C-alpha atoms as a PDB file:
ATOM      1  CA  MET A   1      38.562 -42.281   3.744  1.00  0.00           C
ATOM      2  CA  VAL A   2      37.271 -38.712   3.615  1.00  0.00           C
ATOM      3  CA  VAL A   3      39.745 -35.836   4.071  1.00  0.00           C
ATOM      4  CA  ALA A   4      38.552 -32.250   4.555  1.00  0.00           C
ATOM      5  CA  ILE A   5      40.722 -29.234   3.765  1.00  0.00           C
ATOM      6  CA  THR A   6      39.840 -25.694   4.835  1.00  0.00           C
ATOM      7  CA  TYR A   7      39.225 -24.040   1.493  1.00  0.00           C
ATOM      8  CA  ASP A   8      39.451 -20.559  -0.015  1.00  0.00           C
ATOM      9  CA  LYS A   9      37.069 -20.781  -2.965  1.00  0.00           C
ATOM     10  CA  GLU A  10      38.559 -17.750  -4.706  1.00  0.00           C
ATOM     11  CA  THR A  11      42.148 -18.992  -4.810  1.00  0.00           C
ATOM     12  CA  GLY A  12      41.877 -22.757  -4.337  1.00  0.00           C
ATOM     13  CA  ASN A  13      44.269 -22.445  -1.384  1.00  0.00           C
ATOM     14  CA  VAL A  14      44.091 -24.058   2.027  1.00  0.00           C
ATOM     15  CA  GLY A  15      41.996 -21.660   4.129  1.00  0.00           C
ATOM     16  CA  GLN A  16      43.528 -19.866   7.097  1.00  0.00           C
ATOM     17  CA  HIS A  17      41.217 -20.619  10.037  1.00  0.00           C
ATOM     18  CA  PHE A  18      39.458 -23.894  10.821  1.00  0.00           C
ATOM     19  CA  GLY A  19      36.653 -22.561  13.039  1.00  0.00           C
ATOM     20  CA  HIS A  20      35.869 -19.661  10.719  1.00  0.00           C
ATOM     21  CA  ALA A  21      36.155 -21.548   7.437  1.00  0.00           C
ATOM     22  CA  ASP A  22      33.473 -20.617   4.915  1.00  0.00           C
ATOM     23  CA  PHE A  23      34.209 -23.723   2.872  1.00  0.00           C
ATOM     24  CA  PHE A  24      35.900 -27.102   3.017  1.00  0.00           C
ATOM     25  CA  LYS A  25      37.009 -29.202   0.089  1.00  0.00           C
ATOM     26  CA  LEU A  26      36.245 -32.849   0.779  1.00  0.00           C
ATOM     27  CA  TYR A  27      38.219 -35.606  -0.901  1.00  0.00           C
ATOM     28  CA  GLU A  28      37.148 -39.234  -0.902  1.00  0.00           C
ATOM     29  CA  ILE A  29      40.262 -41.379  -1.093  1.00  0.00           C
ATOM     30  CA  GLU A  30      40.271 -45.083  -1.826  1.00  0.00           C
ATOM     31  CA  ASN A  31      43.290 -47.283  -2.547  1.00  0.00           C
ATOM     32  CA  GLY A  32      45.577 -44.252  -2.780  1.00  0.00           C
ATOM     33  CA  ARG A  33      43.418 -42.490  -5.379  1.00  0.00           C
ATOM     34  CA  ILE A  34      41.000 -39.579  -5.222  1.00  0.00           C
ATOM     35  CA  MET A  35      37.627 -41.026  -6.092  1.00  0.00           C
ATOM     36  CA  ASP A  36      35.564 -37.861  -5.649  1.00  0.00           C
ATOM     37  CA  SER A  37      35.782 -34.293  -4.355  1.00  0.00           C
ATOM     38  CA  ALA A  38      33.275 -31.606  -3.432  1.00  0.00           C
ATOM     39  CA  VAL A  39      33.281 -28.145  -1.902  1.00  0.00           C
ATOM     40  CA  VAL A  40      30.891 -27.785   1.040  1.00  0.00           C
ATOM     41  CA  ALA A  41      29.982 -25.101   3.551  1.00  0.00           C
ATOM     42  CA  PRO A  42      29.925 -25.922   7.273  1.00  0.00           C
ATOM     43  CA  PHE A  43      26.610 -25.991   9.098  1.00  0.00           C
ATOM     44  CA  GLY A  44      27.493 -22.920  11.178  1.00  0.00           C
ATOM     45  CA  GLN A  45      30.544 -21.082  12.493  1.00  0.00           C
ATOM     46  CA  GLY A  46      32.815 -21.899  15.412  1.00  0.00           C
ATOM     47  CA  HIS A  47      34.749 -25.022  16.245  1.00  0.00           C
ATOM     48  CA  GLU A  48      31.821 -27.039  17.650  1.00  0.00           C
ATOM     49  CA  ALA A  49      29.588 -26.457  14.606  1.00  0.00           C
ATOM     50  CA  VAL A  50      32.400 -27.070  12.139  1.00  0.00           C
ATOM     51  CA  ALA A  51      33.563 -30.230  13.940  1.00  0.00           C
ATOM     52  CA  SER A  52      29.976 -31.516  13.860  1.00  0.00           C
ATOM     53  CA  THR A  53      29.871 -30.819  10.117  1.00  0.00           C
ATOM     54  CA  MET A  54      33.063 -32.862   9.667  1.00  0.00           C
ATOM     55  CA  ASP A  55      31.465 -35.748  11.558  1.00  0.00           C
ATOM     56  CA  ASP A  56      28.314 -35.512   9.408  1.00  0.00           C
ATOM     57  CA  TYR A  57      30.482 -35.961   6.293  1.00  0.00           C
ATOM     58  CA  SER A  58      32.404 -38.901   7.873  1.00  0.00           C
ATOM     59  CA  VAL A  59      35.695 -36.995   7.733  1.00  0.00           C
ATOM     60  CA  SER A  60      38.707 -38.888   9.133  1.00  0.00           C
ATOM     61  CA  LEU A  61      41.305 -36.127   8.712  1.00  0.00           C
ATOM     62  CA  VAL A  62      41.262 -32.323   8.543  1.00  0.00           C
ATOM     63  CA  ILE A  63      44.084 -30.459   6.804  1.00  0.00           C
ATOM     64  CA  CYS A  64      44.305 -26.757   7.650  1.00  0.00           C
ATOM     65  CA  GLN A  65      46.605 -23.797   8.269  1.00  0.00           C
ATOM     66  CA  ASN A  66      45.636 -22.634  11.771  1.00  0.00           C
ATOM     67  CA  ILE A  67      43.650 -24.349  14.492  1.00  0.00           C
ATOM     68  CA  GLY A  68      43.234 -23.685  18.192  1.00  0.00           C
ATOM     69  CA  ASP A  69      42.934 -25.962  21.176  1.00  0.00           C
ATOM     70  CA  GLY A  70      39.124 -25.742  21.396  1.00  0.00           C
ATOM     71  CA  ALA A  71      38.781 -26.850  17.792  1.00  0.00           C
ATOM     72  CA  MET A  72      41.314 -29.640  18.321  1.00  0.00           C
ATOM     73  CA  GLN A  73      39.307 -30.892  21.289  1.00  0.00           C
ATOM     74  CA  ALA A  74      36.047 -30.751  19.322  1.00  0.00           C
ATOM     75  CA  LEU A  75      37.546 -32.755  16.441  1.00  0.00           C
ATOM     76  CA  SER A  76      39.185 -35.206  18.833  1.00  0.00           C
ATOM     77  CA  ALA A  77      35.794 -35.896  20.423  1.00  0.00           C
ATOM     78  CA  TYR A  78      34.659 -37.149  16.994  1.00  0.00           C
ATOM     79  CA  GLY A  79      37.864 -39.130  16.423  1.00  0.00           C
ATOM     80  CA  ILE A  80      39.028 -36.822  13.626  1.00  0.00           C
ATOM     81  CA  ALA A  81      42.792 -36.358  13.151  1.00  0.00           C
ATOM     82  CA  VAL A  82      44.350 -33.009  12.202  1.00  0.00           C
ATOM     83  CA  CYS A  83      47.251 -31.964  10.017  1.00  0.00           C
ATOM     84  CA  PRO A  84      47.864 -28.227  10.694  1.00  0.00           C
ATOM     85  CA  ASN A  85      50.394 -25.736   9.292  1.00  0.00           C
ATOM     86  CA  VAL A  86      49.605 -26.510   5.656  1.00  0.00           C
ATOM     87  CA  GLU A  87      49.665 -23.738   3.053  1.00  0.00           C
ATOM     88  CA  GLY A  88      49.303 -23.565  -0.718  1.00  0.00           C
ATOM     89  CA  LEU A  89      46.766 -25.127  -3.046  1.00  0.00           C
ATOM     90  CA  ALA A  90      44.311 -27.578  -1.497  1.00  0.00           C
ATOM     91  CA  ASP A  91      44.802 -29.996  -4.401  1.00  0.00           C
ATOM     92  CA  ASP A  92      48.567 -29.952  -3.788  1.00  0.00           C
ATOM     93  CA  ALA A  93      47.974 -30.572  -0.072  1.00  0.00           C
ATOM     94  CA  ILE A  94      45.893 -33.689  -0.697  1.00  0.00           C
ATOM     95  CA  GLU A  95      48.532 -35.009  -3.087  1.00  0.00           C
ATOM     96  CA  ALA A  96      51.227 -34.383  -0.455  1.00  0.00           C
ATOM     97  CA  PHE A  97      49.111 -36.258   2.102  1.00  0.00           C
ATOM     98  CA  MET A  98      48.656 -39.231  -0.221  1.00  0.00           C
ATOM     99  CA  GLN A  99      52.425 -39.296  -0.849  1.00  0.00           C
ATOM    100  CA  GLY A 100      53.058 -39.347   2.907  1.00  0.00           C
ATOM    101  CA  SER A 101      54.795 -35.982   3.148  1.00  0.00           C
ATOM    102  CA  LEU A 102      52.306 -34.308   5.541  1.00  0.00           C
ATOM    103  CA  LEU A 103      52.471 -34.984   9.264  1.00  0.00           C
ATOM    104  CA  ILE A 104      49.381 -35.581  11.348  1.00  0.00           C
ATOM    105  CA  GLU A 105      50.222 -33.577  14.456  1.00  0.00           C
ATOM    106  CA  ASN A 106      46.940 -33.316  16.372  1.00  0.00           C
ATOM    107  CA  ALA A 107      48.296 -30.231  18.130  1.00  0.00           C
ATOM    108  CA  PRO A 108      46.925 -26.680  18.062  1.00  0.00           C
ATOM    109  CA  ASN A 109      48.940 -23.983  16.345  1.00  0.00           C
ATOM    110  CA  CYS A 110      47.849 -20.448  16.843  1.00  0.00           C
ATOM    111  CA  ASP A 111      50.225 -17.741  15.715  1.00  0.00           C
ATOM    112  CA  CYS A 112      47.740 -14.860  15.636  1.00  0.00           C
ATOM    113  CA  ASP A 113      48.097 -11.718  17.698  1.00  0.00           C
ATOM    114  CA  HIS A 114      44.978 -11.799  19.847  1.00  0.00           C
ATOM    115  CA  GLY A 115      45.129  -8.114  20.681  1.00  0.00           C
ATOM    116  CA  ALA A 116      43.397  -5.364  18.752  1.00  0.00           C
ATOM    117  CA  GLY A 117      42.877  -6.332  15.139  1.00  0.00           C
ATOM    118  CA  SER A 118      43.248 -10.035  15.838  1.00  0.00           C
ATOM    119  CA  CYS A 119      42.024 -12.710  13.478  1.00  0.00           C
ATOM    120  CA  CYS A 120      38.794 -12.644  15.512  1.00  0.00           C
ATOM    121  CA  GLY A 121      38.246  -9.037  14.510  1.00  0.00           C
ATOM    122  CA  GLY A 122      37.980  -8.098  18.163  1.00  0.00           C
ATOM    123  CA  GLU A 123      34.706 -10.048  18.453  1.00  0.00           C
ATOM    124  CA  SER A 124      35.997 -12.631  20.906  1.00  0.00           C
ATOM    125  CA  SER A 125      37.940 -12.529  24.118  1.00  0.00           C
ATOM    126  CA  CYS A 126      40.236 -15.338  23.093  1.00  0.00           C
ATOM    127  CA  GLY A 127      41.297 -17.548  25.915  1.00  0.00           C
ATOM    128  CA  SER A 128      38.002 -17.399  27.751  1.00  0.00           C
ATOM    129  CA  THR A 129      35.700 -19.889  26.079  1.00  0.00           C
ATOM    130  CA  CYS A 130      37.460 -20.955  22.931  1.00  0.00           C
ATOM    131  CA  GLY A 131      40.410 -22.895  24.291  1.00  0.00           C
ATOM    132  CA  GLY A 132      42.899 -20.060  23.944  1.00  0.00           C
ATOM    133  CA  CYS A 133      42.386 -19.416  20.249  1.00  0.00           C
ATOM    134  CA  CYS A 134      39.526 -18.300  18.075  1.00  0.00           C
ATOM    135  CA  HIS A 135      40.109 -20.821  15.294  1.00  0.00           C
END
């Protein structure tokens, strides 16, 4: 099983936004153990490109902080489950998943203010083409 976590390379933390993630840390898990891990960049920005990247790496589960409905739909189309609302170190998150203490919710969670100064930086009219959230 391959699990991808949105990744902040500078801090090692779970990254904030799925669709705008610069990096993902991939973990290959077998028999309850981490067999391998690697940090990869998505093949583009936006939920469609990032979801396609997850499919290319045979990801079964994405762990992230924030994710919108458009991104959830894109991942769902590839059969990829999502565990949102996760903060802290990525390595701690994968351990929590393996211990069964993270919930797979498969539901969007967007708590950003989509007005001026939103997480989109004002570049997107959220709600029009991105499923209600820019993640």
